[in-house]
Amino acid sequence: MYIHFGEETIIKTKDIIAIIDKNSFTSSTNMDEFLQKYKDQSEHITKGSYKSVIVTAEQIYFSPLASSTLKKRSQKWAVSD
């Protein structure tokens, strides 16, 4: 199954490791270190500010959609592959 994360980006649901809301992501001191380590693998898929961070084995995405919206999409509107 695939899920749409915004700005015409879709990802296989089985590739998702974590979906983290912006508040949790920015409040953790470990996340700064994590981002520095994987900055070459991060991609902003939003034209404005992000609301959630999606982590896969190969990429980190900053999405304009809230983590609660992404959860609902993964449960209701996922497209079969």
PDB file of N, CA and C in Angstrom:
ATOM      1  N   MET A   1       0.827  -1.181   0.000  1.00  0.00           N
ATOM      2  CA  MET A   1       0.000   0.000   0.000  1.00  0.00           C
ATOM      3  C   MET A   1       0.873   1.247   0.000  1.00  0.00           C
ATOM      4  N   TYR A   2       0.336   2.321  -0.524  1.00  0.00           N
ATOM      5  CA  TYR A   2       1.015   3.605  -0.577  1.00  0.00           C
ATOM      6  C   TYR A   2       0.212   4.639   0.199  1.00  0.00           C
ATOM      7  N   ILE A   3       0.904   5.655   0.688  1.00  0.00           N
ATOM      8  CA  ILE A   3       0.226   6.760   1.357  1.00  0.00           C
ATOM      9  C   ILE A   3       0.788   8.074   0.802  1.00  0.00           C
ATOM     10  N   HIS A   4      -0.102   9.038   0.610  1.00  0.00           N
ATOM     11  CA  HIS A   4       0.271  10.357   0.080  1.00  0.00           C
ATOM     12  C   HIS A   4       0.651  11.259   1.248  1.00  0.00           C
ATOM     13  N   PHE A   5       1.849  11.866   1.182  1.00  0.00           N
ATOM     14  CA  PHE A   5       2.359  12.699   2.267  1.00  0.00           C
ATOM     15  C   PHE A   5       2.326  14.185   1.982  1.00  0.00           C
ATOM     16  N   GLY A   6       1.835  14.573   0.823  1.00  0.00           N
ATOM     17  CA  GLY A   6       1.790  15.984   0.473  1.00  0.00           C
ATOM     18  C   GLY A   6       2.732  16.307  -0.660  1.00  0.00           C
ATOM     19  N   GLU A   7       2.394  17.382  -1.394  1.00  0.00           N
ATOM     20  CA  GLU A   7       3.211  17.852  -2.513  1.00  0.00           C
ATOM     21  C   GLU A   7       3.556  16.723  -3.489  1.00  0.00           C
ATOM     22  N   GLU A   8       2.578  15.892  -3.784  1.00  0.00           N
ATOM     23  CA  GLU A   8       2.694  14.812  -4.765  1.00  0.00           C
ATOM     24  C   GLU A   8       3.745  13.760  -4.409  1.00  0.00           C
ATOM     25  N   THR A   9       3.967  13.541  -3.133  1.00  0.00           N
ATOM     26  CA  THR A   9       4.907  12.526  -2.673  1.00  0.00           C
ATOM     27  C   THR A   9       4.136  11.358  -2.085  1.00  0.00           C
ATOM     28  N   ILE A  10       4.432  10.158  -2.580  1.00  0.00           N
ATOM     29  CA  ILE A  10       3.827   8.952  -2.022  1.00  0.00           C
ATOM     30  C   ILE A  10       4.944   8.003  -1.594  1.00  0.00           C
ATOM     31  N   ILE A  11       4.644   7.222  -0.561  1.00  0.00           N
ATOM     32  CA  ILE A  11       5.617   6.293  -0.006  1.00  0.00           C
ATOM     33  C   ILE A  11       4.898   4.990   0.301  1.00  0.00           C
ATOM     34  N   LYS A  12       5.581   3.875   0.108  1.00  0.00           N
ATOM     35  CA  LYS A  12       5.017   2.588   0.500  1.00  0.00           C
ATOM     36  C   LYS A  12       4.890   2.557   2.021  1.00  0.00           C
ATOM     37  N   THR A  13       3.735   2.135   2.501  1.00  0.00           N
ATOM     38  CA  THR A  13       3.515   2.112   3.948  1.00  0.00           C
ATOM     39  C   THR A  13       4.485   1.168   4.648  1.00  0.00           C
ATOM     40  N   LYS A  14       4.882   0.097   3.989  1.00  0.00           N
ATOM     41  CA  LYS A  14       5.800  -0.856   4.629  1.00  0.00           C
ATOM     42  C   LYS A  14       7.201  -0.271   4.812  1.00  0.00           C
ATOM     43  N   ASP A  15       7.523   0.820   4.107  1.00  0.00           N
ATOM     44  CA  ASP A  15       8.832   1.461   4.226  1.00  0.00           C
ATOM     45  C   ASP A  15       8.903   2.467   5.375  1.00  0.00           C
ATOM     46  N   ILE A  16       7.762   2.807   5.955  1.00  0.00           N
ATOM     47  CA  ILE A  16       7.716   3.820   7.013  1.00  0.00           C
ATOM     48  C   ILE A  16       8.201   3.229   8.333  1.00  0.00           C
ATOM     49  N   ILE A  17       9.177   3.894   8.923  1.00  0.00           N
ATOM     50  CA  ILE A  17       9.681   3.490  10.237  1.00  0.00           C
ATOM     51  C   ILE A  17       8.967   4.271  11.332  1.00  0.00           C
ATOM     52  N   ALA A  18       8.783   5.591  11.109  1.00  0.00           N
ATOM     53  CA  ALA A  18       8.135   6.435  12.120  1.00  0.00           C
ATOM     54  C   ALA A  18       7.507   7.662  11.480  1.00  0.00           C
ATOM     55  N   ILE A  19       6.412   8.115  12.093  1.00  0.00           N
ATOM     56  CA  ILE A  19       5.798   9.402  11.766  1.00  0.00           C
ATOM     57  C   ILE A  19       5.786  10.185  13.075  1.00  0.00           C
ATOM     58  N   ILE A  20       6.484  11.319  13.079  1.00  0.00           N
ATOM     59  CA  ILE A  20       6.671  12.088  14.305  1.00  0.00           C
ATOM     60  C   ILE A  20       6.075  13.477  14.119  1.00  0.00           C
ATOM     61  N   ASP A  21       5.268  13.920  15.088  1.00  0.00           N
ATOM     62  CA  ASP A  21       4.702  15.264  14.974  1.00  0.00           C
ATOM     63  C   ASP A  21       5.789  16.306  15.256  1.00  0.00           C
ATOM     64  N   LYS A  22       5.597  17.486  14.720  1.00  0.00           N
ATOM     65  CA  LYS A  22       6.606  18.549  14.793  1.00  0.00           C
ATOM     66  C   LYS A  22       6.979  18.890  16.232  1.00  0.00           C
ATOM     67  N   ASN A  23       6.004  18.971  17.126  1.00  0.00           N
ATOM     68  CA  ASN A  23       6.289  19.334  18.517  1.00  0.00           C
ATOM     69  C   ASN A  23       7.206  18.325  19.189  1.00  0.00           C
ATOM     70  N   SER A  24       6.947  17.051  18.980  1.00  0.00           N
ATOM     71  CA  SER A  24       7.807  16.014  19.554  1.00  0.00           C
ATOM     72  C   SER A  24       9.198  16.064  18.941  1.00  0.00           C
ATOM     73  N   PHE A  25       9.231  16.290  17.647  1.00  0.00           N
ATOM     74  CA  PHE A  25      10.502  16.318  16.925  1.00  0.00           C
ATOM     75  C   PHE A  25      11.381  17.481  17.377  1.00  0.00           C
ATOM     76  N   THR A  26      10.792  18.658  17.497  1.00  0.00           N
ATOM     77  CA  THR A  26      11.585  19.841  17.851  1.00  0.00           C
ATOM     78  C   THR A  26      11.922  19.914  19.334  1.00  0.00           C
ATOM     79  N   SER A  27      11.173  19.234  20.190  1.00  0.00           N
ATOM     80  CA  SER A  27      11.440  19.298  21.626  1.00  0.00           C
ATOM     81  C   SER A  27      12.530  18.329  22.074  1.00  0.00           C
ATOM     82  N   SER A  28      12.918  17.415  21.223  1.00  0.00           N
ATOM     83  CA  SER A  28      13.933  16.429  21.581  1.00  0.00           C
ATOM     84  C   SER A  28      15.330  16.914  21.196  1.00  0.00           C
ATOM     85  N   THR A  29      16.246  16.885  22.150  1.00  0.00           N
ATOM     86  CA  THR A  29      17.631  17.267  21.857  1.00  0.00           C
ATOM     87  C   THR A  29      18.310  16.219  20.981  1.00  0.00           C
ATOM     88  N   ASN A  30      17.860  14.995  21.032  1.00  0.00           N
ATOM     89  CA  ASN A  30      18.433  13.933  20.200  1.00  0.00           C
ATOM     90  C   ASN A  30      18.123  14.143  18.726  1.00  0.00           C
ATOM     91  N   MET A  31      17.036  14.815  18.423  1.00  0.00           N
ATOM     92  CA  MET A  31      16.643  15.008  17.030  1.00  0.00           C
ATOM     93  C   MET A  31      17.599  15.931  16.285  1.00  0.00           C
ATOM     94  N   ASP A  32      18.175  16.906  16.973  1.00  0.00           N
ATOM     95  CA  ASP A  32      19.174  17.767  16.327  1.00  0.00           C
ATOM     96  C   ASP A  32      20.374  16.934  15.876  1.00  0.00           C
ATOM     97  N   GLU A  33      20.807  16.072  16.751  1.00  0.00           N
ATOM     98  CA  GLU A  33      21.927  15.179  16.439  1.00  0.00           C
ATOM     99  C   GLU A  33      21.555  14.227  15.299  1.00  0.00           C
ATOM    100  N   PHE A  34      20.349  13.701  15.356  1.00  0.00           N
ATOM    101  CA  PHE A  34      19.841  12.795  14.320  1.00  0.00           C
ATOM    102  C   PHE A  34      19.822  13.488  12.956  1.00  0.00           C
ATOM    103  N   LEU A  35      19.311  14.722  12.920  1.00  0.00           N
ATOM    104  CA  LEU A  35      19.246  15.479  11.665  1.00  0.00           C
ATOM    105  C   LEU A  35      20.627  15.809  11.112  1.00  0.00           C
ATOM    106  N   GLN A  36      21.553  16.142  11.982  1.00  0.00           N
ATOM    107  CA  GLN A  36      22.914  16.422  11.521  1.00  0.00           C
ATOM    108  C   GLN A  36      23.539  15.189  10.872  1.00  0.00           C
ATOM    109  N   LYS A  37      23.272  14.046  11.458  1.00  0.00           N
ATOM    110  CA  LYS A  37      23.832  12.797  10.941  1.00  0.00           C
ATOM    111  C   LYS A  37      23.233  12.425   9.587  1.00  0.00           C
ATOM    112  N   TYR A  38      21.935  12.686   9.409  1.00  0.00           N
ATOM    113  CA  TYR A  38      21.229  12.264   8.195  1.00  0.00           C
ATOM    114  C   TYR A  38      20.751  13.434   7.328  1.00  0.00           C
ATOM    115  N   LYS A  39      21.399  14.582   7.428  1.00  0.00           N
ATOM    116  CA  LYS A  39      20.936  15.767   6.692  1.00  0.00           C
ATOM    117  C   LYS A  39      20.948  15.568   5.177  1.00  0.00           C
ATOM    118  N   ASP A  40      21.839  14.741   4.661  1.00  0.00           N
ATOM    119  CA  ASP A  40      21.871  14.472   3.218  1.00  0.00           C
ATOM    120  C   ASP A  40      20.703  13.605   2.764  1.00  0.00           C
ATOM    121  N   GLN A  41      20.053  12.954   3.720  1.00  0.00           N
ATOM    122  CA  GLN A  41      18.930  12.081   3.394  1.00  0.00           C
ATOM    123  C   GLN A  41      17.587  12.717   3.729  1.00  0.00           C
ATOM    124  N   SER A  42      17.577  13.992   4.034  1.00  0.00           N
ATOM    125  CA  SER A  42      16.312  14.642   4.387  1.00  0.00           C
ATOM    126  C   SER A  42      15.776  15.436   3.204  1.00  0.00           C
ATOM    127  N   GLU A  43      14.440  15.478   3.127  1.00  0.00           N
ATOM    128  CA  GLU A  43      13.778  16.171   2.020  1.00  0.00           C
ATOM    129  C   GLU A  43      12.548  16.903   2.534  1.00  0.00           C
ATOM    130  N   HIS A  44      12.494  18.208   2.288  1.00  0.00           N
ATOM    131  CA  HIS A  44      11.313  18.996   2.645  1.00  0.00           C
ATOM    132  C   HIS A  44      10.321  18.883   1.493  1.00  0.00           C
ATOM    133  N   ILE A  45       9.166  18.288   1.751  1.00  0.00           N
ATOM    134  CA  ILE A  45       8.143  18.142   0.711  1.00  0.00           C
ATOM    135  C   ILE A  45       7.028  19.153   0.920  1.00  0.00           C
ATOM    136  N   THR A  46       7.360  20.238   1.576  1.00  0.00           N
ATOM    137  CA  THR A  46       6.390  21.285   1.838  1.00  0.00           C
ATOM    138  C   THR A  46       6.927  22.616   1.329  1.00  0.00           C
ATOM    139  N   LYS A  47       6.036  23.446   0.867  1.00  0.00           N
ATOM    140  CA  LYS A  47       6.435  24.775   0.401  1.00  0.00           C
ATOM    141  C   LYS A  47       6.509  25.763   1.564  1.00  0.00           C
ATOM    142  N   GLY A  48       5.871  25.423   2.666  1.00  0.00           N
ATOM    143  CA  GLY A  48       5.877  26.268   3.854  1.00  0.00           C
ATOM    144  C   GLY A  48       6.484  25.513   5.019  1.00  0.00           C
ATOM    145  N   SER A  49       5.904  25.689   6.192  1.00  0.00           N
ATOM    146  CA  SER A  49       6.420  24.993   7.365  1.00  0.00           C
ATOM    147  C   SER A  49       5.891  23.561   7.404  1.00  0.00           C
ATOM    148  N   TYR A  50       6.632  22.694   8.043  1.00  0.00           N
ATOM    149  CA  TYR A  50       6.225  21.293   8.145  1.00  0.00           C
ATOM    150  C   TYR A  50       5.431  21.057   9.429  1.00  0.00           C
ATOM    151  N   LYS A  51       4.618  19.994   9.430  1.00  0.00           N
ATOM    152  CA  LYS A  51       3.830  19.624  10.601  1.00  0.00           C
ATOM    153  C   LYS A  51       4.212  18.256  11.141  1.00  0.00           C
ATOM    154  N   SER A  52       4.886  17.452  10.311  1.00  0.00           N
ATOM    155  CA  SER A  52       5.307  16.130  10.757  1.00  0.00           C
ATOM    156  C   SER A  52       6.561  15.696  10.017  1.00  0.00           C
ATOM    157  N   VAL A  53       7.217  14.699  10.580  1.00  0.00           N
ATOM    158  CA  VAL A  53       8.432  14.142  10.003  1.00  0.00           C
ATOM    159  C   VAL A  53       8.198  12.652   9.791  1.00  0.00           C
ATOM    160  N   ILE A  54       8.483  12.175   8.580  1.00  0.00           N
ATOM    161  CA  ILE A  54       8.309  10.764   8.244  1.00  0.00           C
ATOM    162  C   ILE A  54       9.695  10.175   8.040  1.00  0.00           C
ATOM    163  N   VAL A  55       9.987   9.105   8.756  1.00  0.00           N
ATOM    164  CA  VAL A  55      11.293   8.459   8.670  1.00  0.00           C
ATOM    165  C   VAL A  55      11.139   7.119   7.971  1.00  0.00           C
ATOM    166  N   THR A  56      11.931   6.913   6.909  1.00  0.00           N
ATOM    167  CA  THR A  56      12.026   5.616   6.239  1.00  0.00           C
ATOM    168  C   THR A  56      13.484   5.175   6.341  1.00  0.00           C
ATOM    169  N   ALA A  57      13.782   3.977   5.874  1.00  0.00           N
ATOM    170  CA  ALA A  57      15.154   3.474   5.940  1.00  0.00           C
ATOM    171  C   ALA A  57      16.106   4.304   5.086  1.00  0.00           C
ATOM    172  N   GLU A  58      15.590   4.928   4.032  1.00  0.00           N
ATOM    173  CA  GLU A  58      16.457   5.641   3.102  1.00  0.00           C
ATOM    174  C   GLU A  58      16.298   7.156   3.099  1.00  0.00           C
ATOM    175  N   GLN A  59      15.230   7.675   3.711  1.00  0.00           N
ATOM    176  CA  GLN A  59      14.945   9.106   3.581  1.00  0.00           C
ATOM    177  C   GLN A  59      14.202   9.618   4.807  1.00  0.00           C
ATOM    178  N   ILE A  60      14.346  10.913   5.070  1.00  0.00           N
ATOM    179  CA  ILE A  60      13.575  11.611   6.091  1.00  0.00           C
ATOM    180  C   ILE A  60      12.793  12.699   5.368  1.00  0.00           C
ATOM    181  N   TYR A  61      11.472  12.703   5.537  1.00  0.00           N
ATOM    182  CA  TYR A  61      10.605  13.659   4.850  1.00  0.00           C
ATOM    183  C   TYR A  61       9.979  14.607   5.862  1.00  0.00           C
ATOM    184  N   PHE A  62       9.920  15.893   5.511  1.00  0.00           N
ATOM    185  CA  PHE A  62       9.229  16.893   6.309  1.00  0.00           C
ATOM    186  C   PHE A  62       7.935  17.209   5.576  1.00  0.00           C
ATOM    187  N   SER A  63       6.804  16.838   6.176  1.00  0.00           N
ATOM    188  CA  SER A  63       5.509  16.910   5.507  1.00  0.00           C
ATOM    189  C   SER A  63       4.659  18.084   5.998  1.00  0.00           C
ATOM    190  N   PRO A  64       3.855  18.658   5.097  1.00  0.00           N
ATOM    191  CA  PRO A  64       2.943  19.730   5.493  1.00  0.00           C
ATOM    192  C   PRO A  64       1.697  19.204   6.205  1.00  0.00           C
ATOM    193  N   LEU A  65       1.542  17.894   6.257  1.00  0.00           N
ATOM    194  CA  LEU A  65       0.361  17.288   6.868  1.00  0.00           C
ATOM    195  C   LEU A  65       0.646  16.876   8.312  1.00  0.00           C
ATOM    196  N   ALA A  66      -0.358  17.021   9.167  1.00  0.00           N
ATOM    197  CA  ALA A  66      -0.225  16.635  10.571  1.00  0.00           C
ATOM    198  C   ALA A  66      -0.108  15.117  10.699  1.00  0.00           C
ATOM    199  N   SER A  67       0.571  14.667  11.740  1.00  0.00           N
ATOM    200  CA  SER A  67       0.740  13.230  11.952  1.00  0.00           C
ATOM    201  C   SER A  67      -0.606  12.525  12.127  1.00  0.00           C
ATOM    202  N   SER A  68      -1.580  13.194  12.736  1.00  0.00           N
ATOM    203  CA  SER A  68      -2.911  12.588  12.895  1.00  0.00           C
ATOM    204  C   SER A  68      -3.591  12.400  11.540  1.00  0.00           C
ATOM    205  N   THR A  69      -3.406  13.342  10.628  1.00  0.00           N
ATOM    206  CA  THR A  69      -3.953  13.218   9.269  1.00  0.00           C
ATOM    207  C   THR A  69      -3.300  12.055   8.540  1.00  0.00           C
ATOM    208  N   LEU A  70      -1.997  11.930   8.678  1.00  0.00           N
ATOM    209  CA  LEU A  70      -1.278  10.837   8.021  1.00  0.00           C
ATOM    210  C   LEU A  70      -1.707   9.480   8.568  1.00  0.00           C
ATOM    211  N   LYS A  71      -1.966   9.425   9.866  1.00  0.00           N
ATOM    212  CA  LYS A  71      -2.446   8.176  10.468  1.00  0.00           C
ATOM    213  C   LYS A  71      -3.801   7.800   9.876  1.00  0.00           C
ATOM    214  N   LYS A  72      -4.703   8.769   9.776  1.00  0.00           N
ATOM    215  CA  LYS A  72      -6.022   8.506   9.194  1.00  0.00           C
ATOM    216  C   LYS A  72      -5.898   8.043   7.750  1.00  0.00           C
ATOM    217  N   ARG A  73      -5.029   8.694   6.989  1.00  0.00           N
ATOM    218  CA  ARG A  73      -4.832   8.299   5.589  1.00  0.00           C
ATOM    219  C   ARG A  73      -4.295   6.879   5.485  1.00  0.00           C
ATOM    220  N   SER A  74      -3.410   6.526   6.366  1.00  0.00           N
ATOM    221  CA  SER A  74      -2.839   5.182   6.299  1.00  0.00           C
ATOM    222  C   SER A  74      -3.888   4.124   6.626  1.00  0.00           C
ATOM    223  N   GLN A  75      -4.872   4.484   7.408  1.00  0.00           N
ATOM    224  CA  GLN A  75      -5.920   3.540   7.778  1.00  0.00           C
ATOM    225  C   GLN A  75      -7.080   3.519   6.792  1.00  0.00           C
ATOM    226  N   LYS A  76      -7.364   4.647   6.116  1.00  0.00           N
ATOM    227  CA  LYS A  76      -8.550   4.734   5.266  1.00  0.00           C
ATOM    228  C   LYS A  76      -8.264   4.827   3.782  1.00  0.00           C
ATOM    229  N   TRP A  77      -7.296   5.662   3.400  1.00  0.00           N
ATOM    230  CA  TRP A  77      -7.146   5.996   1.987  1.00  0.00           C
ATOM    231  C   TRP A  77      -5.892   5.438   1.347  1.00  0.00           C
ATOM    232  N   ALA A  78      -5.293   4.458   1.940  1.00  0.00           N
ATOM    233  CA  ALA A  78      -4.089   3.883   1.342  1.00  0.00           C
ATOM    234  C   ALA A  78      -4.459   3.192   0.030  1.00  0.00           C
ATOM    235  N   VAL A  79      -3.574   3.285  -0.942  1.00  0.00           N
ATOM    236  CA  VAL A  79      -3.787   2.706  -2.263  1.00  0.00           C
ATOM    237  C   VAL A  79      -2.975   1.426  -2.359  1.00  0.00           C
ATOM    238  N   SER A  80      -3.590   0.356  -2.820  1.00  0.00           N
ATOM    239  CA  SER A  80      -2.875  -0.914  -2.934  1.00  0.00           C
ATOM    240  C   SER A  80      -1.800  -0.834  -3.995  1.00  0.00           C
ATOM    241  N   ASP A  81      -0.671  -1.541  -3.729  1.00  0.00           N
ATOM    242  CA  ASP A  81       0.383  -1.561  -4.751  1.00  0.00           C
ATOM    243  C   ASP A  81       0.302  -2.797  -5.603  1.00  0.00           C
TER     244      ASP A  81
END
